[in-house]
C-alpha atoms as a PDB file:
ATOM      1  CA  UNK A   1      13.805  32.647   6.284  1.00  0.00           C
ATOM      2  CA  UNK A   2      14.032  31.508   9.910  1.00  0.00           C
ATOM      3  CA  UNK A   3      11.652  28.855  11.180  1.00  0.00           C
ATOM      4  CA  UNK A   4       8.371  30.654  11.943  1.00  0.00           C
ATOM      5  CA  UNK A   5       7.811  28.517  15.044  1.00  0.00           C
ATOM      6  CA  UNK A   6      11.142  28.362  16.882  1.00  0.00           C
ATOM      7  CA  UNK A   7      12.992  31.015  14.826  1.00  0.00           C
ATOM      8  CA  UNK A   8      15.972  28.757  14.134  1.00  0.00           C
ATOM      9  CA  UNK A   9      17.903  29.922  11.074  1.00  0.00           C
ATOM     10  CA  UNK A  10      18.400  27.766   8.045  1.00  0.00           C
ATOM     11  CA  UNK A  11      16.275  24.690   7.669  1.00  0.00           C
ATOM     12  CA  UNK A  12      16.466  21.725   5.330  1.00  0.00           C
ATOM     13  CA  UNK A  13      14.970  21.466   1.863  1.00  0.00           C
ATOM     14  CA  UNK A  14      11.997  19.159   2.322  1.00  0.00           C
ATOM     15  CA  UNK A  15       9.974  19.138  -0.900  1.00  0.00           C
ATOM     16  CA  UNK A  16       9.204  21.237  -3.955  1.00  0.00           C
ATOM     17  CA  UNK A  17       6.182  21.172  -6.239  1.00  0.00           C
ATOM     18  CA  UNK A  18       5.166  23.327  -9.196  1.00  0.00           C
ATOM     19  CA  UNK A  19       3.961  26.137  -6.949  1.00  0.00           C
ATOM     20  CA  UNK A  20       6.050  26.234  -3.769  1.00  0.00           C
ATOM     21  CA  UNK A  21       9.077  25.025  -1.875  1.00  0.00           C
ATOM     22  CA  UNK A  22       8.860  23.531   1.606  1.00  0.00           C
ATOM     23  CA  UNK A  23      11.518  23.507   4.304  1.00  0.00           C
ATOM     24  CA  UNK A  24      11.841  21.578   7.544  1.00  0.00           C
ATOM     25  CA  UNK A  25      13.271  22.913  10.795  1.00  0.00           C
ATOM     26  CA  UNK A  26      15.992  20.748  12.321  1.00  0.00           C
ATOM     27  CA  UNK A  27      15.014  21.830  15.836  1.00  0.00           C
ATOM     28  CA  UNK A  28      11.198  21.778  16.105  1.00  0.00           C
ATOM     29  CA  UNK A  29      10.490  19.625  13.017  1.00  0.00           C
ATOM     30  CA  UNK A  30       8.004  22.132  11.557  1.00  0.00           C
ATOM     31  CA  UNK A  31       7.590  21.913   7.785  1.00  0.00           C
ATOM     32  CA  UNK A  32       6.972  25.386   6.481  1.00  0.00           C
ATOM     33  CA  UNK A  33       6.577  27.411   3.313  1.00  0.00           C
ATOM     34  CA  UNK A  34       9.042  30.312   2.855  1.00  0.00           C
ATOM     35  CA  UNK A  35       7.258  33.614   3.216  1.00  0.00           C
ATOM     36  CA  UNK A  36       7.782  34.642  -0.395  1.00  0.00           C
ATOM     37  CA  UNK A  37       4.989  32.184  -1.214  1.00  0.00           C
ATOM     38  CA  UNK A  38       2.496  33.657   1.259  1.00  0.00           C
ATOM     39  CA  UNK A  39      -0.734  35.023  -0.145  1.00  0.00           C
ATOM     40  CA  UNK A  40      -1.629  38.615   0.598  1.00  0.00           C
ATOM     41  CA  UNK A  41      -4.270  39.250   3.236  1.00  0.00           C
ATOM     42  CA  UNK A  42      -6.833  40.071   0.544  1.00  0.00           C
ATOM     43  CA  UNK A  43      -5.989  36.884  -1.372  1.00  0.00           C
ATOM     44  CA  UNK A  44      -6.353  34.808   1.790  1.00  0.00           C
ATOM     45  CA  UNK A  45      -9.760  36.283   2.535  1.00  0.00           C
ATOM     46  CA  UNK A  46     -11.009  35.390  -0.938  1.00  0.00           C
ATOM     47  CA  UNK A  47     -10.236  31.752  -0.117  1.00  0.00           C
ATOM     48  CA  UNK A  48     -11.792  31.897   3.364  1.00  0.00           C
ATOM     49  CA  UNK A  49     -14.946  33.533   2.050  1.00  0.00           C
ATOM     50  CA  UNK A  50     -15.562  30.366   0.051  1.00  0.00           C
ATOM     51  CA  UNK A  51     -15.921  28.331   3.244  1.00  0.00           C
ATOM     52  CA  UNK A  52     -19.525  27.362   3.847  1.00  0.00           C
ATOM     53  CA  UNK A  53     -19.275  26.353   7.499  1.00  0.00           C
ATOM     54  CA  UNK A  54     -22.323  26.830   9.688  1.00  0.00           C
ATOM     55  CA  UNK A  55     -23.700  25.602  13.038  1.00  0.00           C
ATOM     56  CA  UNK A  56     -26.732  24.426  11.082  1.00  0.00           C
ATOM     57  CA  UNK A  57     -24.615  21.900   9.183  1.00  0.00           C
ATOM     58  CA  UNK A  58     -24.676  18.523  10.991  1.00  0.00           C
ATOM     59  CA  UNK A  59     -21.672  17.250   9.013  1.00  0.00           C
ATOM     60  CA  UNK A  60     -19.572  20.207  10.117  1.00  0.00           C
ATOM     61  CA  UNK A  61     -20.644  19.643  13.717  1.00  0.00           C
ATOM     62  CA  UNK A  62     -19.641  15.999  13.384  1.00  0.00           C
ATOM     63  CA  UNK A  63     -16.244  17.063  12.079  1.00  0.00           C
ATOM     64  CA  UNK A  64     -15.717  19.467  15.002  1.00  0.00           C
ATOM     65  CA  UNK A  65     -16.841  16.834  17.492  1.00  0.00           C
ATOM     66  CA  UNK A  66     -13.433  15.198  17.125  1.00  0.00           C
ATOM     67  CA  UNK A  67     -12.089  18.042  19.267  1.00  0.00           C
ATOM     68  CA  UNK A  68     -15.308  19.020  21.019  1.00  0.00           C
ATOM     69  CA  UNK A  69     -15.999  15.657  22.664  1.00  0.00           C
ATOM     70  CA  UNK A  70     -12.585  15.016  24.262  1.00  0.00           C
ATOM     71  CA  UNK A  71     -12.437  18.604  25.506  1.00  0.00           C
ATOM     72  CA  UNK A  72     -15.960  18.462  26.869  1.00  0.00           C
ATOM     73  CA  UNK A  73     -15.026  15.343  28.839  1.00  0.00           C
ATOM     74  CA  UNK A  74     -12.104  17.143  30.469  1.00  0.00           C
ATOM     75  CA  UNK A  75     -13.350  20.631  31.363  1.00  0.00           C
ATOM     76  CA  UNK A  76     -15.324  21.659  34.419  1.00  0.00           C
ATOM     77  CA  UNK A  77     -18.970  22.773  34.231  1.00  0.00           C
ATOM     78  CA  UNK A  78     -19.521  26.383  33.196  1.00  0.00           C
ATOM     79  CA  UNK A  79     -15.954  26.854  32.002  1.00  0.00           C
ATOM     80  CA  UNK A  80     -14.859  29.866  29.971  1.00  0.00           C
ATOM     81  CA  UNK A  81     -13.310  29.213  26.579  1.00  0.00           C
ATOM     82  CA  UNK A  82     -11.858  30.998  23.585  1.00  0.00           C
ATOM     83  CA  UNK A  83     -12.275  29.725  20.036  1.00  0.00           C
ATOM     84  CA  UNK A  84      -9.341  31.212  18.130  1.00  0.00           C
ATOM     85  CA  UNK A  85      -9.751  31.332  14.363  1.00  0.00           C
ATOM     86  CA  UNK A  86     -13.503  30.907  14.514  1.00  0.00           C
ATOM     87  CA  UNK A  87     -13.964  31.569  10.783  1.00  0.00           C
ATOM     88  CA  UNK A  88     -16.877  33.037   8.828  1.00  0.00           C
ATOM     89  CA  UNK A  89     -19.407  30.674  10.421  1.00  0.00           C
ATOM     90  CA  UNK A  90     -18.507  30.186  14.106  1.00  0.00           C
ATOM     91  CA  UNK A  91     -19.740  26.769  15.152  1.00  0.00           C
ATOM     92  CA  UNK A  92     -17.489  25.234  17.813  1.00  0.00           C
ATOM     93  CA  UNK A  93     -18.270  28.157  20.124  1.00  0.00           C
ATOM     94  CA  UNK A  94     -21.995  27.522  19.590  1.00  0.00           C
ATOM     95  CA  UNK A  95     -21.537  23.858  20.513  1.00  0.00           C
ATOM     96  CA  UNK A  96     -19.800  24.760  23.773  1.00  0.00           C
ATOM     97  CA  UNK A  97     -22.440  27.380  24.580  1.00  0.00           C
ATOM     98  CA  UNK A  98     -25.110  24.743  24.072  1.00  0.00           C
ATOM     99  CA  UNK A  99     -23.210  22.669  26.646  1.00  0.00           C
ATOM    100  CA  UNK A 100     -23.488  25.605  29.095  1.00  0.00           C
ATOM    101  CA  UNK A 101     -19.969  26.993  28.761  1.00  0.00           C
ATOM    102  CA  UNK A 102     -19.118  30.653  28.249  1.00  0.00           C
ATOM    103  CA  UNK A 103     -17.320  31.373  24.981  1.00  0.00           C
ATOM    104  CA  UNK A 104     -15.375  34.166  23.338  1.00  0.00           C
ATOM    105  CA  UNK A 105     -14.308  34.068  19.696  1.00  0.00           C
ATOM    106  CA  UNK A 106     -11.482  35.650  17.744  1.00  0.00           C
ATOM    107  CA  UNK A 107     -10.691  35.640  14.062  1.00  0.00           C
ATOM    108  CA  UNK A 108      -8.347  38.079  12.356  1.00  0.00           C
ATOM    109  CA  UNK A 109     -10.666  38.244   9.335  1.00  0.00           C
ATOM    110  CA  UNK A 110     -14.171  37.876  10.763  1.00  0.00           C
ATOM    111  CA  UNK A 111     -14.120  38.602  14.508  1.00  0.00           C
ATOM    112  CA  UNK A 112     -11.129  40.775  15.365  1.00  0.00           C
ATOM    113  CA  UNK A 113     -12.028  41.530  18.970  1.00  0.00           C
ATOM    114  CA  UNK A 114      -8.728  42.420  20.610  1.00  0.00           C
ATOM    115  CA  UNK A 115     -10.336  42.467  24.049  1.00  0.00           C
ATOM    116  CA  UNK A 116      -9.966  38.672  24.091  1.00  0.00           C
ATOM    117  CA  UNK A 117      -6.246  39.124  24.807  1.00  0.00           C
ATOM    118  CA  UNK A 118      -7.036  40.803  28.121  1.00  0.00           C
ATOM    119  CA  UNK A 119      -8.856  37.744  29.491  1.00  0.00           C
ATOM    120  CA  UNK A 120      -7.843  34.350  30.896  1.00  0.00           C
ATOM    121  CA  UNK A 121      -9.537  31.135  29.797  1.00  0.00           C
ATOM    122  CA  UNK A 122     -10.160  27.633  31.129  1.00  0.00           C
ATOM    123  CA  UNK A 123      -9.724  26.243  27.625  1.00  0.00           C
ATOM    124  CA  UNK A 124      -8.718  27.470  24.190  1.00  0.00           C
ATOM    125  CA  UNK A 125      -9.552  25.828  20.864  1.00  0.00           C
ATOM    126  CA  UNK A 126      -7.550  26.228  17.661  1.00  0.00           C
ATOM    127  CA  UNK A 127      -9.349  24.195  15.015  1.00  0.00           C
ATOM    128  CA  UNK A 128      -7.900  23.904  11.501  1.00  0.00           C
ATOM    129  CA  UNK A 129      -5.956  27.123  12.149  1.00  0.00           C
ATOM    130  CA  UNK A 130      -2.285  26.444  12.940  1.00  0.00           C
ATOM    131  CA  UNK A 131      -1.567  25.415   9.361  1.00  0.00           C
ATOM    132  CA  UNK A 132      -2.571  28.936   8.253  1.00  0.00           C
ATOM    133  CA  UNK A 133      -0.366  30.843  10.710  1.00  0.00           C
ATOM    134  CA  UNK A 134       2.409  33.000   9.288  1.00  0.00           C
ATOM    135  CA  UNK A 135       3.864  33.486  12.766  1.00  0.00           C
ATOM    136  CA  UNK A 136       2.914  30.321  14.675  1.00  0.00           C
ATOM    137  CA  UNK A 137       5.503  30.788  17.422  1.00  0.00           C
ATOM    138  CA  UNK A 138       4.316  34.253  18.332  1.00  0.00           C
ATOM    139  CA  UNK A 139       0.607  33.411  18.014  1.00  0.00           C
ATOM    140  CA  UNK A 140       0.664  30.142  19.956  1.00  0.00           C
ATOM    141  CA  UNK A 141       2.733  31.596  22.792  1.00  0.00           C
ATOM    142  CA  UNK A 142       0.335  34.513  23.041  1.00  0.00           C
ATOM    143  CA  UNK A 143      -2.604  32.128  23.278  1.00  0.00           C
ATOM    144  CA  UNK A 144      -0.836  29.942  25.852  1.00  0.00           C
ATOM    145  CA  UNK A 145      -0.312  33.035  28.000  1.00  0.00           C
ATOM    146  CA  UNK A 146      -4.093  33.548  28.008  1.00  0.00           C
ATOM    147  CA  UNK A 147      -4.716  30.066  29.400  1.00  0.00           C
ATOM    148  CA  UNK A 148      -5.331  29.694  33.117  1.00  0.00           C
ATOM    149  CA  UNK A 149      -3.174  27.280  35.157  1.00  0.00           C
ATOM    150  CA  UNK A 150      -4.703  23.839  34.716  1.00  0.00           C
ATOM    151  CA  UNK A 151      -6.363  24.966  31.493  1.00  0.00           C
ATOM    152  CA  UNK A 152      -6.559  22.948  28.284  1.00  0.00           C
ATOM    153  CA  UNK A 153      -5.309  23.930  24.858  1.00  0.00           C
ATOM    154  CA  UNK A 154      -7.018  21.981  22.066  1.00  0.00           C
ATOM    155  CA  UNK A 155      -5.703  21.867  18.509  1.00  0.00           C
ATOM    156  CA  UNK A 156      -7.050  20.187  15.417  1.00  0.00           C
ATOM    157  CA  UNK A 157      -4.757  19.958  12.385  1.00  0.00           C
ATOM    158  CA  UNK A 158      -3.564  17.287   9.985  1.00  0.00           C
ATOM    159  CA  UNK A 159      -0.081  16.049  10.920  1.00  0.00           C
ATOM    160  CA  UNK A 160       2.972  15.576   8.747  1.00  0.00           C
ATOM    161  CA  UNK A 161       3.904  11.891   8.711  1.00  0.00           C
ATOM    162  CA  UNK A 162       6.991  11.677   6.497  1.00  0.00           C
ATOM    163  CA  UNK A 163       8.420  12.967   3.232  1.00  0.00           C
ATOM    164  CA  UNK A 164       6.967  10.099   1.193  1.00  0.00           C
ATOM    165  CA  UNK A 165       3.423  10.754   2.412  1.00  0.00           C
ATOM    166  CA  UNK A 166       3.900  14.504   1.997  1.00  0.00           C
ATOM    167  CA  UNK A 167       4.376  14.163  -1.766  1.00  0.00           C
ATOM    168  CA  UNK A 168       0.746  13.097  -2.309  1.00  0.00           C
ATOM    169  CA  UNK A 169      -0.723  14.902   0.702  1.00  0.00           C
ATOM    170  CA  UNK A 170      -3.768  16.976  -0.250  1.00  0.00           C
ATOM    171  CA  UNK A 171      -3.336  19.188   2.813  1.00  0.00           C
ATOM    172  CA  UNK A 172      -0.247  20.913   1.412  1.00  0.00           C
ATOM    173  CA  UNK A 173      -2.100  21.893  -1.773  1.00  0.00           C
ATOM    174  CA  UNK A 174      -4.195  24.565  -0.065  1.00  0.00           C
ATOM    175  CA  UNK A 175      -2.393  27.818  -0.846  1.00  0.00           C
ATOM    176  CA  UNK A 176      -3.315  29.230   2.576  1.00  0.00           C
ATOM    177  CA  UNK A 177      -1.622  26.327   4.391  1.00  0.00           C
ATOM    178  CA  UNK A 178       1.940  27.346   5.222  1.00  0.00           C
ATOM    179  CA  UNK A 179       2.866  25.704   8.574  1.00  0.00           C
ATOM    180  CA  UNK A 180       2.688  21.928   8.917  1.00  0.00           C
ATOM    181  CA  UNK A 181       3.070  20.305  12.339  1.00  0.00           C
ATOM    182  CA  UNK A 182       4.102  16.764  13.210  1.00  0.00           C
ATOM    183  CA  UNK A 183       3.975  14.796  16.460  1.00  0.00           C
ATOM    184  CA  UNK A 184       7.579  15.816  16.992  1.00  0.00           C
ATOM    185  CA  UNK A 185       6.641  19.467  16.561  1.00  0.00           C
ATOM    186  CA  UNK A 186       3.987  19.217  19.247  1.00  0.00           C
ATOM    187  CA  UNK A 187       6.403  17.334  21.496  1.00  0.00           C
ATOM    188  CA  UNK A 188       8.872  20.207  21.066  1.00  0.00           C
ATOM    189  CA  UNK A 189       6.126  22.718  21.802  1.00  0.00           C
ATOM    190  CA  UNK A 190       5.135  20.738  24.894  1.00  0.00           C
ATOM    191  CA  UNK A 191       8.708  20.912  26.173  1.00  0.00           C
ATOM    192  CA  UNK A 192       8.670  24.684  25.739  1.00  0.00           C
ATOM    193  CA  UNK A 193       5.446  24.849  27.738  1.00  0.00           C
ATOM    194  CA  UNK A 194       6.523  22.256  30.343  1.00  0.00           C
ATOM    195  CA  UNK A 195       3.768  19.825  29.398  1.00  0.00           C
ATOM    196  CA  UNK A 196       3.207  16.779  27.221  1.00  0.00           C
ATOM    197  CA  UNK A 197       0.805  16.659  24.295  1.00  0.00           C
ATOM    198  CA  UNK A 198      -1.970  14.083  24.269  1.00  0.00           C
ATOM    199  CA  UNK A 199      -2.729  12.841  20.747  1.00  0.00           C
ATOM    200  CA  UNK A 200      -6.318  11.807  20.060  1.00  0.00           C
ATOM    201  CA  UNK A 201      -7.069  10.077  16.768  1.00  0.00           C
ATOM    202  CA  UNK A 202      -5.072  11.423  13.842  1.00  0.00           C
ATOM    203  CA  UNK A 203      -5.567  15.160  14.091  1.00  0.00           C
ATOM    204  CA  UNK A 204      -6.477  16.253  17.640  1.00  0.00           C
ATOM    205  CA  UNK A 205      -3.895  17.360  20.166  1.00  0.00           C
ATOM    206  CA  UNK A 206      -4.509  18.442  23.762  1.00  0.00           C
ATOM    207  CA  UNK A 207      -1.982  20.240  25.974  1.00  0.00           C
ATOM    208  CA  UNK A 208      -2.638  20.992  29.627  1.00  0.00           C
ATOM    209  CA  UNK A 209      -1.073  23.964  31.377  1.00  0.00           C
ATOM    210  CA  UNK A 210       0.574  23.158  34.694  1.00  0.00           C
ATOM    211  CA  UNK A 211      -1.252  24.392  37.774  1.00  0.00           C
END
């Protein structure tokens, strides 16, 4: 299997547990699960249907605020945004609407509105999504193309630190998590997009599109 982000062939053996093997790309540093371990679409949805996220849950709002607050500080009033991978209980989009921004949502399981690809956005959010992507290179480049010049791309995902930490990392144990990014991966992605990632706390990354 080629790297699902940069499509480089090969890859290094990174780790193996009782359920899956993991490989690491020598070019973009992505740690990924070979596609023979992917769940089917129906199996994935069974897992996602268990999520109990809701805009009425203050704890979930607090969790999302790690991305919401730094983005809110950086976007202009009445901006237009897209929340990609909004899930069964869209909440981040509600928070931005409450702050007087216009929002569209897209989710391949719960809100498959393909008209979102025909629009351009001032900001795009991808919260706890990239780790689920089977084709992260294709998906992220498609989203980047929908971002206006000067727009902000906000990602929230847990980052790979090193092989030693990966062994006991709970994040890899979710069977729907197949693509694991590191700081180096986002640096590589930034080079592809002619920008530099800004890392906020442990799991928030912002990339600004050149004007």
